[in-house]
PDB file of N, CA and C in Angstrom:
ATOM      1  N   MET A   1      68.910  94.238-125.014  1.00  0.00           N
ATOM      2  CA  MET A   1      68.512  94.070-126.398  1.00  0.00           C
ATOM      3  C   MET A   1      67.754  95.330-126.809  1.00  0.00           C
ATOM      4  N   LYS A   2      68.169  95.952-127.915  1.00  0.00           N
ATOM      5  CA  LYS A   2      67.485  97.133-128.427  1.00  0.00           C
ATOM      6  C   LYS A   2      66.378  96.700-129.376  1.00  0.00           C
ATOM      7  N   LEU A   3      65.164  97.142-129.085  1.00  0.00           N
ATOM      8  CA  LEU A   3      64.007  96.799-129.912  1.00  0.00           C
ATOM      9  C   LEU A   3      63.279  98.068-130.309  1.00  0.00           C
ATOM     10  N   LEU A   4      62.768  98.084-131.504  1.00  0.00           N
ATOM     11  CA  LEU A   4      61.847  99.125-131.948  1.00  0.00           C
ATOM     12  C   LEU A   4      60.647  98.432-132.546  1.00  0.00           C
ATOM     13  N   THR A   5      59.485  98.839-132.141  1.00  0.00           N
ATOM     14  CA  THR A   5      58.259  98.261-132.677  1.00  0.00           C
ATOM     15  C   THR A   5      57.847  99.042-133.904  1.00  0.00           C
ATOM     16  N   ILE A   6      57.437  98.321-134.930  1.00  0.00           N
ATOM     17  CA  ILE A   6      56.959  98.954-136.153  1.00  0.00           C
ATOM     18  C   ILE A   6      55.442  98.843-136.149  1.00  0.00           C
ATOM     19  N   PHE A   7      54.770  99.972-135.902  1.00  0.00           N
ATOM     20  CA  PHE A   7      53.310  99.992-135.955  1.00  0.00           C
ATOM     21  C   PHE A   7      52.891 100.299-137.379  1.00  0.00           C
ATOM     22  N   ILE A   8      51.978  99.536-137.886  1.00  0.00           N
ATOM     23  CA  ILE A   8      51.492  99.740-139.242  1.00  0.00           C
ATOM     24  C   ILE A   8      50.131 100.416-139.151  1.00  0.00           C
ATOM     25  N   TYR A   9      50.029 101.583-139.786  1.00  0.00           N
ATOM     26  CA  TYR A   9      48.800 102.357-139.748  1.00  0.00           C
ATOM     27  C   TYR A   9      47.798 101.780-140.746  1.00  0.00           C
ATOM     28  N   THR A  10      46.878 101.001-140.249  1.00  0.00           N
ATOM     29  CA  THR A  10      45.878 100.357-141.098  1.00  0.00           C
ATOM     30  C   THR A  10      44.661 100.029-140.260  1.00  0.00           C
ATOM     31  N   ASP A  11      43.565  99.742-140.901  1.00  0.00           N
ATOM     32  CA  ASP A  11      42.370  99.337-140.166  1.00  0.00           C
ATOM     33  C   ASP A  11      42.261  97.819-140.057  1.00  0.00           C
ATOM     34  N   THR A  12      43.264  97.110-140.541  1.00  0.00           N
ATOM     35  CA  THR A  12      43.321  95.653-140.479  1.00  0.00           C
ATOM     36  C   THR A  12      44.179  95.235-139.285  1.00  0.00           C
ATOM     37  N   ILE A  13      43.689  94.308-138.498  1.00  0.00           N
ATOM     38  CA  ILE A  13      44.461  93.810-137.362  1.00  0.00           C
ATOM     39  C   ILE A  13      45.408  92.724-137.863  1.00  0.00           C
ATOM     40  N   SER A  14      46.678  92.902-137.612  1.00  0.00           N
ATOM     41  CA  SER A  14      47.692  91.966-138.071  1.00  0.00           C
ATOM     42  C   SER A  14      47.766  90.758-137.140  1.00  0.00           C
ATOM     43  N   ASP A  15      48.197  89.642-137.690  1.00  0.00           N
ATOM     44  CA  ASP A  15      48.413  88.433-136.893  1.00  0.00           C
ATOM     45  C   ASP A  15      49.779  88.432-136.228  1.00  0.00           C
ATOM     46  N   PHE A  16      50.624  89.426-136.554  1.00  0.00           N
ATOM     47  CA  PHE A  16      51.999  89.446-136.087  1.00  0.00           C
ATOM     48  C   PHE A  16      52.366  90.790-135.478  1.00  0.00           C
ATOM     49  N   TYR A  17      53.411  90.766-134.665  1.00  0.00           N
ATOM     50  CA  TYR A  17      54.055  91.975-134.173  1.00  0.00           C
ATOM     51  C   TYR A  17      55.305  92.150-135.015  1.00  0.00           C
ATOM     52  N   TYR A  18      55.500  93.318-135.596  1.00  0.00           N
ATOM     53  CA  TYR A  18      56.676  93.597-136.406  1.00  0.00           C
ATOM     54  C   TYR A  18      57.673  94.350-135.544  1.00  0.00           C
ATOM     55  N   VAL A  19      58.873  93.782-135.384  1.00  0.00           N
ATOM     56  CA  VAL A  19      59.872  94.338-134.484  1.00  0.00           C
ATOM     57  C   VAL A  19      61.202  94.479-135.226  1.00  0.00           C
ATOM     58  N   ALA A  20      61.810  95.651-135.102  1.00  0.00           N
ATOM     59  CA  ALA A  20      63.134  95.877-135.672  1.00  0.00           C
ATOM     60  C   ALA A  20      64.172  95.730-134.567  1.00  0.00           C
ATOM     61  N   THR A  21      65.255  95.030-134.867  1.00  0.00           N
ATOM     62  CA  THR A  21      66.357  94.872-133.925  1.00  0.00           C
ATOM     63  C   THR A  21      67.665  95.138-134.656  1.00  0.00           C
ATOM     64  N   THR A  22      68.718  95.387-133.885  1.00  0.00           N
ATOM     65  CA  THR A  22      70.022  95.547-134.509  1.00  0.00           C
ATOM     66  C   THR A  22      70.481  94.200-135.051  1.00  0.00           C
ATOM     67  N   LYS A  23      71.403  94.230-136.009  1.00  0.00           N
ATOM     68  CA  LYS A  23      71.826  93.008-136.683  1.00  0.00           C
ATOM     69  C   LYS A  23      72.489  91.995-135.766  1.00  0.00           C
ATOM     70  N   ASN A  24      73.091  92.456-134.673  1.00  0.00           N
ATOM     71  CA  ASN A  24      73.788  91.518-133.785  1.00  0.00           C
ATOM     72  C   ASN A  24      72.876  90.946-132.700  1.00  0.00           C
ATOM     73  N   THR A  25      71.573  91.177-132.787  1.00  0.00           N
ATOM     74  CA  THR A  25      70.613  90.659-131.816  1.00  0.00           C
ATOM     75  C   THR A  25      70.213  89.233-132.203  1.00  0.00           C
ATOM     76  N   ARG A  26      70.046  88.392-131.194  1.00  0.00           N
ATOM     77  CA  ARG A  26      69.636  87.013-131.480  1.00  0.00           C
ATOM     78  C   ARG A  26      68.198  86.980-131.979  1.00  0.00           C
ATOM     79  N   LYS A  27      67.847  85.913-132.648  1.00  0.00           N
ATOM     80  CA  LYS A  27      66.508  85.753-133.221  1.00  0.00           C
ATOM     81  C   LYS A  27      65.473  85.609-132.111  1.00  0.00           C
ATOM     82  N   ILE A  28      64.357  86.293-132.269  1.00  0.00           N
ATOM     83  CA  ILE A  28      63.244  86.171-131.328  1.00  0.00           C
ATOM     84  C   ILE A  28      62.458  84.922-131.712  1.00  0.00           C
ATOM     85  N   SER A  29      62.247  84.036-130.759  1.00  0.00           N
ATOM     86  CA  SER A  29      61.656  82.733-131.077  1.00  0.00           C
ATOM     87  C   SER A  29      60.131  82.727-131.070  1.00  0.00           C
ATOM     88  N   ASP A  30      59.488  83.787-130.622  1.00  0.00           N
ATOM     89  CA  ASP A  30      58.031  83.839-130.577  1.00  0.00           C
ATOM     90  C   ASP A  30      57.475  83.868-132.003  1.00  0.00           C
ATOM     91  N   GLU A  31      56.579  82.949-132.327  1.00  0.00           N
ATOM     92  CA  GLU A  31      56.026  82.837-133.683  1.00  0.00           C
ATOM     93  C   GLU A  31      55.161  84.034-134.075  1.00  0.00           C
ATOM     94  N   ARG A  32      54.686  84.798-133.095  1.00  0.00           N
ATOM     95  CA  ARG A  32      53.851  85.966-133.379  1.00  0.00           C
ATOM     96  C   ARG A  32      54.669  87.194-133.757  1.00  0.00           C
ATOM     97  N   VAL A  33      55.998  87.087-133.667  1.00  0.00           N
ATOM     98  CA  VAL A  33      56.887  88.218-133.927  1.00  0.00           C
ATOM     99  C   VAL A  33      57.572  88.050-135.278  1.00  0.00           C
ATOM    100  N   LYS A  34      57.451  89.075-136.117  1.00  0.00           N
ATOM    101  CA  LYS A  34      58.203  89.147-137.369  1.00  0.00           C
ATOM    102  C   LYS A  34      59.350  90.118-137.111  1.00  0.00           C
ATOM    103  N   GLN A  35      60.553  89.587-137.126  1.00  0.00           N
ATOM    104  CA  GLN A  35      61.728  90.364-136.762  1.00  0.00           C
ATOM    105  C   GLN A  35      62.454  90.867-137.996  1.00  0.00           C
ATOM    106  N   PHE A  36      62.865  92.136-137.959  1.00  0.00           N
ATOM    107  CA  PHE A  36      63.646  92.737-139.034  1.00  0.00           C
ATOM    108  C   PHE A  36      64.965  93.204-138.444  1.00  0.00           C
ATOM    109  N   TYR A  37      66.051  92.818-139.087  1.00  0.00           N
ATOM    110  CA  TYR A  37      67.377  93.229-138.632  1.00  0.00           C
ATOM    111  C   TYR A  37      67.759  94.515-139.331  1.00  0.00           C
ATOM    112  N   GLU A  38      68.194  95.493-138.572  1.00  0.00           N
ATOM    113  CA  GLU A  38      68.492  96.818-139.096  1.00  0.00           C
ATOM    114  C   GLU A  38      69.958  97.163-138.865  1.00  0.00           C
ATOM    115  N   ASN A  39      70.536  97.854-139.827  1.00  0.00           N
ATOM    116  CA  ASN A  39      71.895  98.375-139.706  1.00  0.00           C
ATOM    117  C   ASN A  39      71.954  99.266-138.468  1.00  0.00           C
ATOM    118  N   SER A  40      72.972  99.083-137.642  1.00  0.00           N
ATOM    119  CA  SER A  40      73.045  99.831-136.387  1.00  0.00           C
ATOM    120  C   SER A  40      73.143 101.342-136.599  1.00  0.00           C
ATOM    121  N   GLU A  41      73.694 101.783-137.728  1.00  0.00           N
ATOM    122  CA  GLU A  41      73.789 103.225-137.999  1.00  0.00           C
ATOM    123  C   GLU A  41      72.412 103.831-138.275  1.00  0.00           C
ATOM    124  N   ALA A  42      71.499 103.061-138.834  1.00  0.00           N
ATOM    125  CA  ALA A  42      70.171 103.568-139.185  1.00  0.00           C
ATOM    126  C   ALA A  42      69.101 103.163-138.174  1.00  0.00           C
ATOM    127  N   PHE A  43      69.479 102.393-137.178  1.00  0.00           N
ATOM    128  CA  PHE A  43      68.499 101.828-136.257  1.00  0.00           C
ATOM    129  C   PHE A  43      67.664 102.893-135.539  1.00  0.00           C
ATOM    130  N   ASP A  44      68.290 103.958-135.057  1.00  0.00           N
ATOM    131  CA  ASP A  44      67.584 104.981-134.285  1.00  0.00           C
ATOM    132  C   ASP A  44      66.971 106.091-135.129  1.00  0.00           C
ATOM    133  N   MET A  45      67.182 106.070-136.428  1.00  0.00           N
ATOM    134  CA  MET A  45      66.608 107.113-137.288  1.00  0.00           C
ATOM    135  C   MET A  45      65.086 107.008-137.284  1.00  0.00           C
ATOM    136  N   GLY A  46      64.401 108.101-136.962  1.00  0.00           N
ATOM    137  CA  GLY A  46      62.950 108.105-136.929  1.00  0.00           C
ATOM    138  C   GLY A  46      62.359 107.530-135.656  1.00  0.00           C
ATOM    139  N   LYS A  47      63.194 107.276-134.672  1.00  0.00           N
ATOM    140  CA  LYS A  47      62.730 106.690-133.412  1.00  0.00           C
ATOM    141  C   LYS A  47      61.957 107.733-132.605  1.00  0.00           C
ATOM    142  N   THR A  48      60.838 107.322-132.061  1.00  0.00           N
ATOM    143  CA  THR A  48      60.033 108.163-131.176  1.00  0.00           C
ATOM    144  C   THR A  48      59.461 107.267-130.086  1.00  0.00           C
ATOM    145  N   MET A  49      58.981 107.868-129.023  1.00  0.00           N
ATOM    146  CA  MET A  49      58.414 107.098-127.918  1.00  0.00           C
ATOM    147  C   MET A  49      56.902 107.260-127.881  1.00  0.00           C
ATOM    148  N   MET A  50      56.217 106.179-127.517  1.00  0.00           N
ATOM    149  CA  MET A  50      54.759 106.172-127.410  1.00  0.00           C
ATOM    150  C   MET A  50      54.397 105.528-126.076  1.00  0.00           C
ATOM    151  N   ASN A  51      53.414 106.082-125.399  1.00  0.00           N
ATOM    152  CA  ASN A  51      52.949 105.478-124.163  1.00  0.00           C
ATOM    153  C   ASN A  51      51.673 104.718-124.466  1.00  0.00           C
ATOM    154  N   TYR A  52      51.683 103.424-124.214  1.00  0.00           N
ATOM    155  CA  TYR A  52      50.519 102.564-124.460  1.00  0.00           C
ATOM    156  C   TYR A  52      50.164 101.846-123.171  1.00  0.00           C
ATOM    157  N   ASP A  53      49.003 102.142-122.619  1.00  0.00           N
ATOM    158  CA  ASP A  53      48.540 101.550-121.355  1.00  0.00           C
ATOM    159  C   ASP A  53      49.578 101.680-120.244  1.00  0.00           C
ATOM    160  N   GLY A  54      50.215 102.853-120.162  1.00  0.00           N
ATOM    161  CA  GLY A  54      51.184 103.109-119.104  1.00  0.00           C
ATOM    162  C   GLY A  54      52.576 102.564-119.365  1.00  0.00           C
ATOM    163  N   VAL A  55      52.800 101.992-120.538  1.00  0.00           N
ATOM    164  CA  VAL A  55      54.115 101.437-120.884  1.00  0.00           C
ATOM    165  C   VAL A  55      54.712 102.255-122.017  1.00  0.00           C
ATOM    166  N   ASP A  56      55.959 102.718-121.846  1.00  0.00           N
ATOM    167  CA  ASP A  56      56.643 103.448-122.911  1.00  0.00           C
ATOM    168  C   ASP A  56      57.197 102.464-123.930  1.00  0.00           C
ATOM    169  N   ILE A  57      56.870 102.697-125.194  1.00  0.00           N
ATOM    170  CA  ILE A  57      57.286 101.825-126.286  1.00  0.00           C
ATOM    171  C   ILE A  57      58.051 102.652-127.302  1.00  0.00           C
ATOM    172  N   ALA A  58      59.196 102.161-127.745  1.00  0.00           N
ATOM    173  CA  ALA A  58      59.956 102.819-128.814  1.00  0.00           C
ATOM    174  C   ALA A  58      59.366 102.394-130.151  1.00  0.00           C
ATOM    175  N   ILE A  59      58.984 103.374-130.962  1.00  0.00           N
ATOM    176  CA  ILE A  59      58.405 103.085-132.277  1.00  0.00           C
ATOM    177  C   ILE A  59      59.060 103.987-133.310  1.00  0.00           C
ATOM    178  N   TYR A  60      58.868 103.653-134.583  1.00  0.00           N
ATOM    179  CA  TYR A  60      59.309 104.526-135.661  1.00  0.00           C
ATOM    180  C   TYR A  60      58.201 105.503-136.008  1.00  0.00           C
ATOM    181  N   ASP A  61      58.589 106.728-136.397  1.00  0.00           N
ATOM    182  CA  ASP A  61      57.595 107.718-136.812  1.00  0.00           C
ATOM    183  C   ASP A  61      57.017 107.346-138.177  1.00  0.00           C
ATOM    184  N   LYS A  62      55.993 108.085-138.613  1.00  0.00           N
ATOM    185  CA  LYS A  62      55.275 107.743-139.846  1.00  0.00           C
ATOM    186  C   LYS A  62      56.188 107.765-141.075  1.00  0.00           C
ATOM    187  N   GLU A  63      57.122 108.699-141.119  1.00  0.00           N
ATOM    188  CA  GLU A  63      58.020 108.797-142.270  1.00  0.00           C
ATOM    189  C   GLU A  63      58.930 107.573-142.360  1.00  0.00           C
ATOM    190  N   ARG A  64      59.488 107.155-141.234  1.00  0.00           N
ATOM    191  CA  ARG A  64      60.353 105.971-141.229  1.00  0.00           C
ATOM    192  C   ARG A  64      59.531 104.726-141.549  1.00  0.00           C
ATOM    193  N   LEU A  65      58.307 104.662-141.043  1.00  0.00           N
ATOM    194  CA  LEU A  65      57.428 103.543-141.334  1.00  0.00           C
ATOM    195  C   LEU A  65      57.206 103.392-142.832  1.00  0.00           C
ATOM    196  N   LEU A  66      56.956 104.500-143.504  1.00  0.00           N
ATOM    197  CA  LEU A  66      56.752 104.470-144.949  1.00  0.00           C
ATOM    198  C   LEU A  66      58.002 103.953-145.663  1.00  0.00           C
ATOM    199  N   VAL A  67      59.163 104.415-145.244  1.00  0.00           N
ATOM    200  CA  VAL A  67      60.423 103.943-145.832  1.00  0.00           C
ATOM    201  C   VAL A  67      60.567 102.437-145.640  1.00  0.00           C
ATOM    202  N   GLU A  68      60.272 101.939-144.439  1.00  0.00           N
ATOM    203  CA  GLU A  68      60.402 100.507-144.163  1.00  0.00           C
ATOM    204  C   GLU A  68      59.391  99.678-144.955  1.00  0.00           C
ATOM    205  N   LEU A  69      58.173 100.181-145.106  1.00  0.00           N
ATOM    206  CA  LEU A  69      57.179  99.453-145.894  1.00  0.00           C
ATOM    207  C   LEU A  69      57.620  99.316-147.342  1.00  0.00           C
ATOM    208  N   ILE A  70      58.165 100.390-147.904  1.00  0.00           N
ATOM    209  CA  ILE A  70      58.629 100.338-149.293  1.00  0.00           C
ATOM    210  C   ILE A  70      59.860  99.450-149.416  1.00  0.00           C
ATOM    211  N   ARG A  71      60.788  99.596-148.492  1.00  0.00           N
ATOM    212  CA  ARG A  71      62.030  98.825-148.530  1.00  0.00           C
ATOM    213  C   ARG A  71      61.778  97.328-148.360  1.00  0.00           C
ATOM    214  N   ASN A  72      60.776  96.977-147.570  1.00  0.00           N
ATOM    215  CA  ASN A  72      60.472  95.573-147.288  1.00  0.00           C
ATOM    216  C   ASN A  72      59.136  95.155-147.892  1.00  0.00           C
ATOM    217  N   LYS A  73      58.812  95.688-149.052  1.00  0.00           N
ATOM    218  CA  LYS A  73      57.484  95.468-149.631  1.00  0.00           C
ATOM    219  C   LYS A  73      57.156  93.996-149.880  1.00  0.00           C
ATOM    220  N   ARG A  74      58.137  93.155-150.039  1.00  0.00           N
ATOM    221  CA  ARG A  74      57.868  91.729-150.249  1.00  0.00           C
ATOM    222  C   ARG A  74      57.534  91.003-148.953  1.00  0.00           C
ATOM    223  N   LYS A  75      57.856  91.618-147.818  1.00  0.00           N
ATOM    224  CA  LYS A  75      57.608  90.993-146.522  1.00  0.00           C
ATOM    225  C   LYS A  75      56.254  91.374-145.936  1.00  0.00           C
ATOM    226  N   PHE A  76      55.653  92.458-146.448  1.00  0.00           N
ATOM    227  CA  PHE A  76      54.379  92.931-145.930  1.00  0.00           C
ATOM    228  C   PHE A  76      53.275  92.687-146.949  1.00  0.00           C
ATOM    229  N   SER A  77      52.060  92.599-146.457  1.00  0.00           N
ATOM    230  CA  SER A  77      50.901  92.458-147.316  1.00  0.00           C
ATOM    231  C   SER A  77      50.711  93.725-148.150  1.00  0.00           C
ATOM    232  N   PHE A  78      50.251  93.582-149.366  1.00  0.00           N
ATOM    233  CA  PHE A  78      49.994  94.729-150.233  1.00  0.00           C
ATOM    234  C   PHE A  78      48.979  95.677-149.582  1.00  0.00           C
ATOM    235  N   ASP A  79      48.066  95.156-148.774  1.00  0.00           N
ATOM    236  CA  ASP A  79      47.081  95.992-148.093  1.00  0.00           C
ATOM    237  C   ASP A  79      47.751  97.049-147.218  1.00  0.00           C
ATOM    238  N   PHE A  80      48.871  96.722-146.592  1.00  0.00           N
ATOM    239  CA  PHE A  80      49.572  97.695-145.764  1.00  0.00           C
ATOM    240  C   PHE A  80      50.120  98.821-146.616  1.00  0.00           C
ATOM    241  N   LEU A  81      50.610  98.492-147.796  1.00  0.00           N
ATOM    242  CA  LEU A  81      51.218  99.500-148.660  1.00  0.00           C
ATOM    243  C   LEU A  81      50.200 100.453-149.265  1.00  0.00           C
ATOM    244  N   LYS A  82      49.040  99.943-149.612  1.00  0.00           N
ATOM    245  CA  LYS A  82      48.059 100.796-150.280  1.00  0.00           C
ATOM    246  C   LYS A  82      47.296 101.702-149.323  1.00  0.00           C
ATOM    247  N   LYS A  83      47.303 101.391-148.035  1.00  0.00           N
ATOM    248  CA  LYS A  83      46.605 102.228-147.060  1.00  0.00           C
ATOM    249  C   LYS A  83      47.541 103.251-146.511  1.00  0.00           C
TER     250      LYS A  83
END
């Protein structure tokens, strides 16, 4: 399963993990995960790797994050957009 984590740059701690997956991926059943289905052609655009506590995590860069926040503005809190 291909996953990309969407980190939101804010000083507010979110109650959810935002994860992008390809459209053919099954739904993640964990209630703490907000899943976004992405077109497979655009899935890797802006992808970068981050090491967090010794674990490599695939994340989107700041530019892709901004695009996703604007594109999905109804799914995110306004606080994320204004910061």
